[in-house]
C-alpha atoms as a PDB file:
ATOM      1  CA  MET A   1     176.056  74.391  34.770  1.00  0.00           C
ATOM      2  CA  MET A   2     178.524  71.476  35.398  1.00  0.00           C
ATOM      3  CA  LYS A   3     177.650  68.261  36.988  1.00  0.00           C
ATOM      4  CA  LEU A   4     180.215  66.797  39.542  1.00  0.00           C
ATOM      5  CA  ILE A   5     180.256  63.227  40.882  1.00  0.00           C
ATOM      6  CA  ASN A   6     180.680  63.296  44.623  1.00  0.00           C
ATOM      7  CA  PHE A   7     182.396  60.500  46.397  1.00  0.00           C
ATOM      8  CA  ARG A   8     184.528  59.532  49.261  1.00  0.00           C
ATOM      9  CA  LEU A   9     187.955  57.935  49.002  1.00  0.00           C
ATOM     10  CA  HIS A  10     189.208  56.036  52.233  1.00  0.00           C
ATOM     11  CA  GLY A  11     191.594  53.375  53.248  1.00  0.00           C
ATOM     12  CA  ARG A  12     193.678  51.832  56.047  1.00  0.00           C
ATOM     13  CA  PHE A  13     196.826  53.144  54.627  1.00  0.00           C
ATOM     14  CA  GLY A  14     198.009  55.576  52.056  1.00  0.00           C
ATOM     15  CA  HIS A  15     201.282  56.731  50.516  1.00  0.00           C
ATOM     16  CA  PHE A  16     201.707  59.331  47.736  1.00  0.00           C
ATOM     17  CA  LEU A  17     205.554  59.615  47.016  1.00  0.00           C
ATOM     18  CA  ARG A  18     206.796  63.177  46.853  1.00  0.00           C
ATOM     19  CA  ALA A  19     208.448  64.107  43.678  1.00  0.00           C
ATOM     20  CA  ASP A  20     211.398  65.693  45.604  1.00  0.00           C
ATOM     21  CA  ALA A  21     211.759  62.704  48.218  1.00  0.00           C
ATOM     22  CA  GLY A  22     215.175  61.532  48.849  1.00  0.00           C
ATOM     23  CA  ALA A  23     216.528  58.584  50.746  1.00  0.00           C
ATOM     24  CA  SER A  24     213.471  58.670  52.966  1.00  0.00           C
ATOM     25  CA  ALA A  25     210.255  58.151  50.982  1.00  0.00           C
ATOM     26  CA  LEU A  26     208.041  61.356  52.113  1.00  0.00           C
ATOM     27  CA  SER A  27     204.424  61.342  51.169  1.00  0.00           C
ATOM     28  CA  TYR A  28     202.017  64.126  49.952  1.00  0.00           C
ATOM     29  CA  PRO A  29     199.252  64.398  52.589  1.00  0.00           C
ATOM     30  CA  VAL A  30     196.537  64.436  50.071  1.00  0.00           C
ATOM     31  CA  PRO A  31     196.396  62.542  46.667  1.00  0.00           C
ATOM     32  CA  PRO A  32     197.525  64.875  43.860  1.00  0.00           C
ATOM     33  CA  ARG A  33     195.455  65.297  40.918  1.00  0.00           C
ATOM     34  CA  THR A  34     197.485  62.755  38.741  1.00  0.00           C
ATOM     35  CA  VAL A  35     196.915  60.232  41.502  1.00  0.00           C
ATOM     36  CA  ILE A  36     193.185  60.850  41.729  1.00  0.00           C
ATOM     37  CA  MET A  37     193.142  60.446  37.582  1.00  0.00           C
ATOM     38  CA  GLY A  38     194.693  57.026  38.089  1.00  0.00           C
ATOM     39  CA  ILE A  39     192.253  55.882  40.540  1.00  0.00           C
ATOM     40  CA  ILE A  40     189.356  56.890  38.362  1.00  0.00           C
ATOM     41  CA  GLY A  41     191.257  55.001  35.501  1.00  0.00           C
ATOM     42  CA  ALA A  42     191.412  51.955  37.581  1.00  0.00           C
ATOM     43  CA  VAL A  43     187.650  52.212  38.349  1.00  0.00           C
ATOM     44  CA  LEU A  44     186.922  52.466  34.606  1.00  0.00           C
ATOM     45  CA  GLY A  45     189.449  49.886  33.450  1.00  0.00           C
ATOM     46  CA  LEU A  46     191.955  52.057  31.608  1.00  0.00           C
ATOM     47  CA  ALA A  47     195.398  50.703  31.013  1.00  0.00           C
ATOM     48  CA  LYS A  48     198.457  52.252  32.463  1.00  0.00           C
ATOM     49  CA  ASP A  49     199.279  55.607  31.090  1.00  0.00           C
ATOM     50  CA  GLN A  50     195.616  55.850  29.407  1.00  0.00           C
ATOM     51  CA  PRO A  51     194.016  58.073  31.961  1.00  0.00           C
ATOM     52  CA  GLN A  52     196.075  61.242  31.187  1.00  0.00           C
ATOM     53  CA  GLU A  53     195.247  60.845  27.434  1.00  0.00           C
ATOM     54  CA  PHE A  54     191.367  60.044  27.750  1.00  0.00           C
ATOM     55  CA  LEU A  55     190.426  61.811  30.927  1.00  0.00           C
ATOM     56  CA  GLU A  56     191.611  65.293  30.111  1.00  0.00           C
ATOM     57  CA  PRO A  57     190.298  67.734  30.689  1.00  0.00           C
ATOM     58  CA  MET A  58     189.374  66.548  34.048  1.00  0.00           C
ATOM     59  CA  HIS A  59     187.985  68.855  36.611  1.00  0.00           C
ATOM     60  CA  VAL A  60     188.444  67.456  40.269  1.00  0.00           C
ATOM     61  CA  ALA A  61     188.520  68.876  43.855  1.00  0.00           C
ATOM     62  CA  VAL A  62     189.510  67.197  47.039  1.00  0.00           C
ATOM     63  CA  ALA A  63     188.880  67.972  50.663  1.00  0.00           C
ATOM     64  CA  GLY A  64     190.080  66.428  53.874  1.00  0.00           C
ATOM     65  CA  SER A  65     192.179  66.804  56.893  1.00  0.00           C
ATOM     66  CA  ILE A  66     195.929  66.043  56.903  1.00  0.00           C
ATOM     67  CA  PRO A  67     196.200  62.266  58.339  1.00  0.00           C
ATOM     68  CA  VAL A  68     198.433  61.111  61.120  1.00  0.00           C
ATOM     69  CA  THR A  69     201.487  59.517  59.677  1.00  0.00           C
ATOM     70  CA  HIS A  70     203.728  56.393  60.573  1.00  0.00           C
ATOM     71  CA  TRP A  71     207.244  55.793  59.299  1.00  0.00           C
ATOM     72  CA  HIS A  72     207.486  52.266  58.000  1.00  0.00           C
ATOM     73  CA  LYS A  73     210.736  50.433  57.149  1.00  0.00           C
ATOM     74  CA  ALA A  74     210.752  48.612  53.868  1.00  0.00           C
ATOM     75  CA  LYS A  75     213.575  46.329  52.255  1.00  0.00           C
ATOM     76  CA  LEU A  76     213.836  46.918  48.646  1.00  0.00           C
ATOM     77  CA  ARG A  77     215.882  44.682  46.054  1.00  0.00           C
ATOM     78  CA  LYS A  78     218.273  46.995  43.959  1.00  0.00           C
ATOM     79  CA  ASP A  79     219.793  44.365  41.828  1.00  0.00           C
ATOM     80  CA  PRO A  80     217.969  41.205  40.197  1.00  0.00           C
ATOM     81  CA  PRO A  81     219.232  37.811  40.719  1.00  0.00           C
ATOM     82  CA  GLU A  82     221.889  36.744  38.080  1.00  0.00           C
ATOM     83  CA  SER A  83     220.483  35.529  34.922  1.00  0.00           C
ATOM     84  CA  LEU A  84     220.568  31.659  33.950  1.00  0.00           C
ATOM     85  CA  PRO A  85     223.026  30.359  31.587  1.00  0.00           C
ATOM     86  CA  TRP A  86     222.015  29.982  28.026  1.00  0.00           C
ATOM     87  CA  MET A  87     222.916  26.300  27.846  1.00  0.00           C
ATOM     88  CA  VAL A  88     221.525  24.030  30.645  1.00  0.00           C
ATOM     89  CA  LYS A  89     222.448  20.400  30.876  1.00  0.00           C
ATOM     90  CA  SER A  90     219.963  17.936  32.068  1.00  0.00           C
ATOM     91  CA  THR A  91     222.651  16.639  34.751  1.00  0.00           C
ATOM     92  CA  GLN A  92     223.083  20.080  36.045  1.00  0.00           C
ATOM     93  CA  LYS A  93     222.126  20.614  39.712  1.00  0.00           C
ATOM     94  CA  GLN A  94     220.260  23.536  41.088  1.00  0.00           C
ATOM     95  CA  ASP A  95     222.608  26.167  42.374  1.00  0.00           C
ATOM     96  CA  ARG A  96     221.243  27.919  45.300  1.00  0.00           C
ATOM     97  CA  ASN A  97     223.314  30.840  45.062  1.00  0.00           C
ATOM     98  CA  THR A  98     222.311  32.482  41.743  1.00  0.00           C
ATOM     99  CA  GLY A  99     224.582  35.671  42.359  1.00  0.00           C
ATOM    100  CA  PRO A 100     225.022  38.537  44.861  1.00  0.00           C
ATOM    101  CA  GLU A 101     221.745  40.324  45.429  1.00  0.00           C
ATOM    102  CA  LYS A 102     221.841  43.985  46.904  1.00  0.00           C
ATOM    103  CA  ALA A 103     219.095  45.289  48.974  1.00  0.00           C
ATOM    104  CA  THR A 104     218.490  48.656  50.656  1.00  0.00           C
ATOM    105  CA  LEU A 105     216.424  49.481  53.637  1.00  0.00           C
ATOM    106  CA  ILE A 106     214.369  52.669  53.310  1.00  0.00           C
ATOM    107  CA  THR A 107     211.526  54.285  55.385  1.00  0.00           C
ATOM    108  CA  GLN A 108     208.215  55.282  54.017  1.00  0.00           C
ATOM    109  CA  GLU A 109     205.896  57.760  55.500  1.00  0.00           C
ATOM    110  CA  TRP A 110     202.663  56.059  55.582  1.00  0.00           C
ATOM    111  CA  LEU A 111     199.316  57.904  56.090  1.00  0.00           C
ATOM    112  CA  LEU A 112     196.963  56.385  58.866  1.00  0.00           C
ATOM    113  CA  ASN A 113     193.258  56.000  57.928  1.00  0.00           C
ATOM    114  CA  PRO A 114     193.362  58.500  55.128  1.00  0.00           C
ATOM    115  CA  SER A 115     189.799  59.778  54.047  1.00  0.00           C
ATOM    116  CA  TYR A 116     188.964  62.331  51.405  1.00  0.00           C
ATOM    117  CA  GLU A 117     185.983  63.870  49.666  1.00  0.00           C
ATOM    118  CA  ILE A 118     186.289  63.898  45.904  1.00  0.00           C
ATOM    119  CA  TRP A 119     184.385  65.855  43.418  1.00  0.00           C
ATOM    120  CA  ALA A 120     185.027  65.159  39.538  1.00  0.00           C
ATOM    121  CA  ALA A 121     183.949  65.988  36.131  1.00  0.00           C
ATOM    122  CA  LEU A 122     185.051  63.843  33.267  1.00  0.00           C
ATOM    123  CA  PRO A 123     184.484  64.009  29.603  1.00  0.00           C
ATOM    124  CA  GLU A 124     181.909  61.705  28.170  1.00  0.00           C
ATOM    125  CA  PRO A 125     181.683  58.875  27.952  1.00  0.00           C
ATOM    126  CA  TYR A 126     183.685  58.640  30.904  1.00  0.00           C
ATOM    127  CA  GLN A 127     181.475  60.711  33.254  1.00  0.00           C
ATOM    128  CA  GLY A 128     178.494  58.351  32.862  1.00  0.00           C
ATOM    129  CA  LYS A 129     180.544  55.292  33.011  1.00  0.00           C
ATOM    130  CA  LEU A 130     182.259  56.467  36.309  1.00  0.00           C
ATOM    131  CA  GLU A 131     178.888  57.411  37.905  1.00  0.00           C
ATOM    132  CA  ALA A 132     177.326  54.116  36.979  1.00  0.00           C
ATOM    133  CA  ARG A 133     180.228  51.989  38.523  1.00  0.00           C
ATOM    134  CA  LEU A 134     180.415  54.076  41.777  1.00  0.00           C
ATOM    135  CA  ARG A 135     176.640  53.705  42.119  1.00  0.00           C
ATOM    136  CA  GLU A 136     176.908  49.851  41.732  1.00  0.00           C
ATOM    137  CA  HIS A 137     180.202  49.792  43.825  1.00  0.00           C
ATOM    138  CA  ARG A 138     182.173  48.010  41.309  1.00  0.00           C
ATOM    139  CA  TRP A 139     185.314  48.824  39.309  1.00  0.00           C
ATOM    140  CA  HIS A 140     187.590  46.984  36.833  1.00  0.00           C
ATOM    141  CA  PHE A 141     190.887  47.203  38.641  1.00  0.00           C
ATOM    142  CA  GLN A 142     191.329  47.471  42.481  1.00  0.00           C
ATOM    143  CA  PRO A 143     192.125  51.136  43.122  1.00  0.00           C
ATOM    144  CA  SER A 144     194.818  51.931  45.869  1.00  0.00           C
ATOM    145  CA  LEU A 145     196.065  54.824  47.611  1.00  0.00           C
ATOM    146  CA  GLY A 146     199.440  55.133  46.246  1.00  0.00           C
ATOM    147  CA  LEU A 147     200.728  51.704  46.479  1.00  0.00           C
ATOM    148  CA  SER A 148     199.058  48.553  45.156  1.00  0.00           C
ATOM    149  CA  GLU A 149     199.127  47.059  48.679  1.00  0.00           C
ATOM    150  CA  MET A 150     197.125  49.751  49.896  1.00  0.00           C
ATOM    151  CA  MET A 151     193.670  49.205  48.821  1.00  0.00           C
ATOM    152  CA  THR A 152     191.090  51.786  48.941  1.00  0.00           C
ATOM    153  CA  ASP A 153     187.287  51.885  49.092  1.00  0.00           C
ATOM    154  CA  LEU A 154     185.030  54.492  47.136  1.00  0.00           C
ATOM    155  CA  GLU A 155     181.739  55.432  48.417  1.00  0.00           C
ATOM    156  CA  TYR A 156     179.320  57.203  46.029  1.00  0.00           C
ATOM    157  CA  THR A 157     177.599  60.230  47.482  1.00  0.00           C
ATOM    158  CA  GLY A 158     175.704  61.794  44.583  1.00  0.00           C
ATOM    159  CA  THR A 159     175.802  63.735  41.457  1.00  0.00           C
ATOM    160  CA  ILE A 160     175.431  67.563  41.889  1.00  0.00           C
ATOM    161  CA  GLU A 161     175.158  70.568  39.781  1.00  0.00           C
ATOM    162  CA  THR A 162     177.778  73.347  40.173  1.00  0.00           C
ATOM    163  CA  GLU A 163     177.984  76.954  39.125  1.00  0.00           C
ATOM    164  CA  LYS A 164     181.046  79.092  39.007  1.00  0.00           C
ATOM    165  CA  LEU A 165     180.863  82.006  41.420  1.00  0.00           C
ATOM    166  CA  PRO A 166     181.743  85.760  40.590  1.00  0.00           C
ATOM    167  CA  GLU A 167     185.078  87.027  41.707  1.00  0.00           C
ATOM    168  CA  GLY A 168     185.056  87.695  45.372  1.00  0.00           C
ATOM    169  CA  THR A 169     186.077  86.425  48.825  1.00  0.00           C
ATOM    170  CA  TYR A 170     184.876  82.784  49.717  1.00  0.00           C
ATOM    171  CA  SER A 171     185.548  80.177  52.408  1.00  0.00           C
ATOM    172  CA  VAL A 172     186.946  77.503  50.139  1.00  0.00           C
ATOM    173  CA  GLU A 173     186.355  73.943  51.831  1.00  0.00           C
ATOM    174  CA  THR A 174     188.832  72.071  49.247  1.00  0.00           C
ATOM    175  CA  VAL A 175     192.707  72.108  48.570  1.00  0.00           C
ATOM    176  CA  ILE A 176     193.288  75.578  47.028  1.00  0.00           C
ATOM    177  CA  ARG A 177     195.530  75.939  43.947  1.00  0.00           C
ATOM    178  CA  GLN A 178     197.761  78.969  44.513  1.00  0.00           C
ATOM    179  CA  GLU A 179     197.113  80.598  41.142  1.00  0.00           C
ATOM    180  CA  ASN A 180     195.256  84.021  40.993  1.00  0.00           C
ATOM    181  CA  ILE A 181     194.279  83.831  44.611  1.00  0.00           C
ATOM    182  CA  GLN A 182     194.559  86.356  47.604  1.00  0.00           C
ATOM    183  CA  LEU A 183     194.629  84.770  51.028  1.00  0.00           C
ATOM    184  CA  ASP A 184     192.559  86.497  53.818  1.00  0.00           C
ATOM    185  CA  ILE A 185     195.338  86.714  56.423  1.00  0.00           C
ATOM    186  CA  GLU A 186     193.042  88.231  58.965  1.00  0.00           C
ATOM    187  CA  ASN A 187     190.586  85.214  58.698  1.00  0.00           C
ATOM    188  CA  VAL A 188     193.685  82.704  59.031  1.00  0.00           C
ATOM    189  CA  TYR A 189     194.871  84.572  62.278  1.00  0.00           C
ATOM    190  CA  GLN A 190     191.428  84.933  63.883  1.00  0.00           C
ATOM    191  CA  GLY A 191     190.484  81.291  63.035  1.00  0.00           C
ATOM    192  CA  LYS A 192     194.008  80.137  64.170  1.00  0.00           C
ATOM    193  CA  LEU A 193     194.242  78.180  60.922  1.00  0.00           C
ATOM    194  CA  ALA A 194     197.144  75.875  60.242  1.00  0.00           C
ATOM    195  CA  ILE A 195     198.000  76.527  56.609  1.00  0.00           C
ATOM    196  CA  ASN A 196     200.270  74.012  54.699  1.00  0.00           C
ATOM    197  CA  LEU A 197     201.945  74.930  51.458  1.00  0.00           C
ATOM    198  CA  LEU A 198     202.407  72.145  48.808  1.00  0.00           C
ATOM    199  CA  ARG A 199     203.952  71.692  45.395  1.00  0.00           C
ATOM    200  CA  MET A 200     202.185  68.645  43.807  1.00  0.00           C
ATOM    201  CA  PRO A 201     202.179  67.042  40.307  1.00  0.00           C
ATOM    202  CA  ARG A 202     199.069  68.357  38.440  1.00  0.00           C
ATOM    203  CA  THR A 203     199.245  66.986  34.824  1.00  0.00           C
ATOM    204  CA  VAL A 204     201.230  64.181  33.208  1.00  0.00           C
ATOM    205  CA  THR A 205     201.767  63.171  29.626  1.00  0.00           C
ATOM    206  CA  PRO A 206     201.695  59.676  28.155  1.00  0.00           C
ATOM    207  CA  GLU A 207     205.501  59.728  28.249  1.00  0.00           C
ATOM    208  CA  ARG A 208     205.112  60.486  31.978  1.00  0.00           C
ATOM    209  CA  VAL A 209     206.426  63.983  31.913  1.00  0.00           C
ATOM    210  CA  PHE A 210     204.812  65.836  34.984  1.00  0.00           C
ATOM    211  CA  SER A 211     203.909  69.481  35.493  1.00  0.00           C
ATOM    212  CA  HIS A 212     203.560  70.719  38.980  1.00  0.00           C
ATOM    213  CA  ALA A 213     201.526  73.424  40.756  1.00  0.00           C
ATOM    214  CA  ARG A 214     201.378  75.047  44.121  1.00  0.00           C
ATOM    215  CA  TYR A 215     198.605  74.415  46.575  1.00  0.00           C
ATOM    216  CA  LEU A 216     197.542  75.335  50.231  1.00  0.00           C
ATOM    217  CA  LEU A 217     195.364  73.292  52.571  1.00  0.00           C
ATOM    218  CA  GLU A 218     194.362  73.610  56.128  1.00  0.00           C
ATOM    219  CA  LYS A 219     195.637  70.912  58.418  1.00  0.00           C
ATOM    220  CA  GLY A 220     192.294  70.011  59.935  1.00  0.00           C
ATOM    221  CA  GLY A 221     190.531  70.407  56.598  1.00  0.00           C
ATOM    222  CA  ARG A 222     188.620  73.536  57.700  1.00  0.00           C
ATOM    223  CA  PRO A 223     187.473  76.233  55.019  1.00  0.00           C
ATOM    224  CA  VAL A 224     189.947  78.887  54.147  1.00  0.00           C
ATOM    225  CA  ALA A 225     188.984  82.384  53.019  1.00  0.00           C
ATOM    226  CA  VAL A 226     190.448  83.499  49.862  1.00  0.00           C
ATOM    227  CA  ARG A 227     189.681  86.105  47.084  1.00  0.00           C
ATOM    228  CA  THR A 228     189.337  84.400  43.641  1.00  0.00           C
ATOM    229  CA  GLY A 229     187.567  84.112  40.364  1.00  0.00           C
ATOM    230  CA  GLU A 230     187.822  80.352  40.235  1.00  0.00           C
ATOM    231  CA  ALA A 231     185.477  79.221  42.987  1.00  0.00           C
ATOM    232  CA  TYR A 232     182.490  76.930  42.442  1.00  0.00           C
ATOM    233  CA  LEU A 233     179.538  76.280  44.457  1.00  0.00           C
ATOM    234  CA  ALA A 234     178.471  72.684  44.606  1.00  0.00           C
ATOM    235  CA  GLY A 235     175.331  72.342  46.913  1.00  0.00           C
ATOM    236  CA  LYS A 236     176.288  74.253  49.938  1.00  0.00           C
ATOM    237  CA  LYS A 237     180.057  73.865  49.604  1.00  0.00           C
ATOM    238  CA  VAL A 238     182.378  76.221  47.759  1.00  0.00           C
ATOM    239  CA  LEU A 239     185.155  74.335  45.890  1.00  0.00           C
ATOM    240  CA  MET A 240     188.260  74.933  43.875  1.00  0.00           C
ATOM    241  CA  PHE A 241     189.671  72.571  41.242  1.00  0.00           C
ATOM    242  CA  LEU A 242     193.056  71.184  41.527  1.00  0.00           C
END
């Protein structure tokens, strides 16, 4: 038996920058495993690049529909102002023009009112610490949905036991990793499901080297029937870990 901490993650805006984004900053529709790891690290007070070192192996599942998006224009500075001279005289007057400063205008794909249900199992002592902080609704650093300006709230739902299911066909209610699965195409057609295929970051080293995996999810967050040996029963829901 494995115990999973269940909580809801939601906010006004979200932006999870795609690794393959070009001039336009596209967003993943759901938080990748690495983003959830960073959010949990912020709750626990782990420094930057420490979550991937201390929280592995981490089991996490995410469910939710694809949010409506909005394209937002943002001006980003490319070059910093010119540095000050090494010698400064007391009679020297301030120069308003400290050198040319280039800027670029890009568009970012913002998620509107994103809301996700998360199940997580961490190695101790972090599992107990996360549960306590979520119960008390307190965290060390303010968690965000991709960008620091996009603050998020975490609502603790409960801690539930889960068991691994034998290989078979199940209606999975979370984002599905496309590894050793067989999609029930007939179920997709009959249910008129809108399946989205994604390639998202899964792990990251302390040196910030990412590895990716392929996933599928239904646009409205509806269950998708797949044959797999990696499904888990948590309460009344069937999950698959990212």
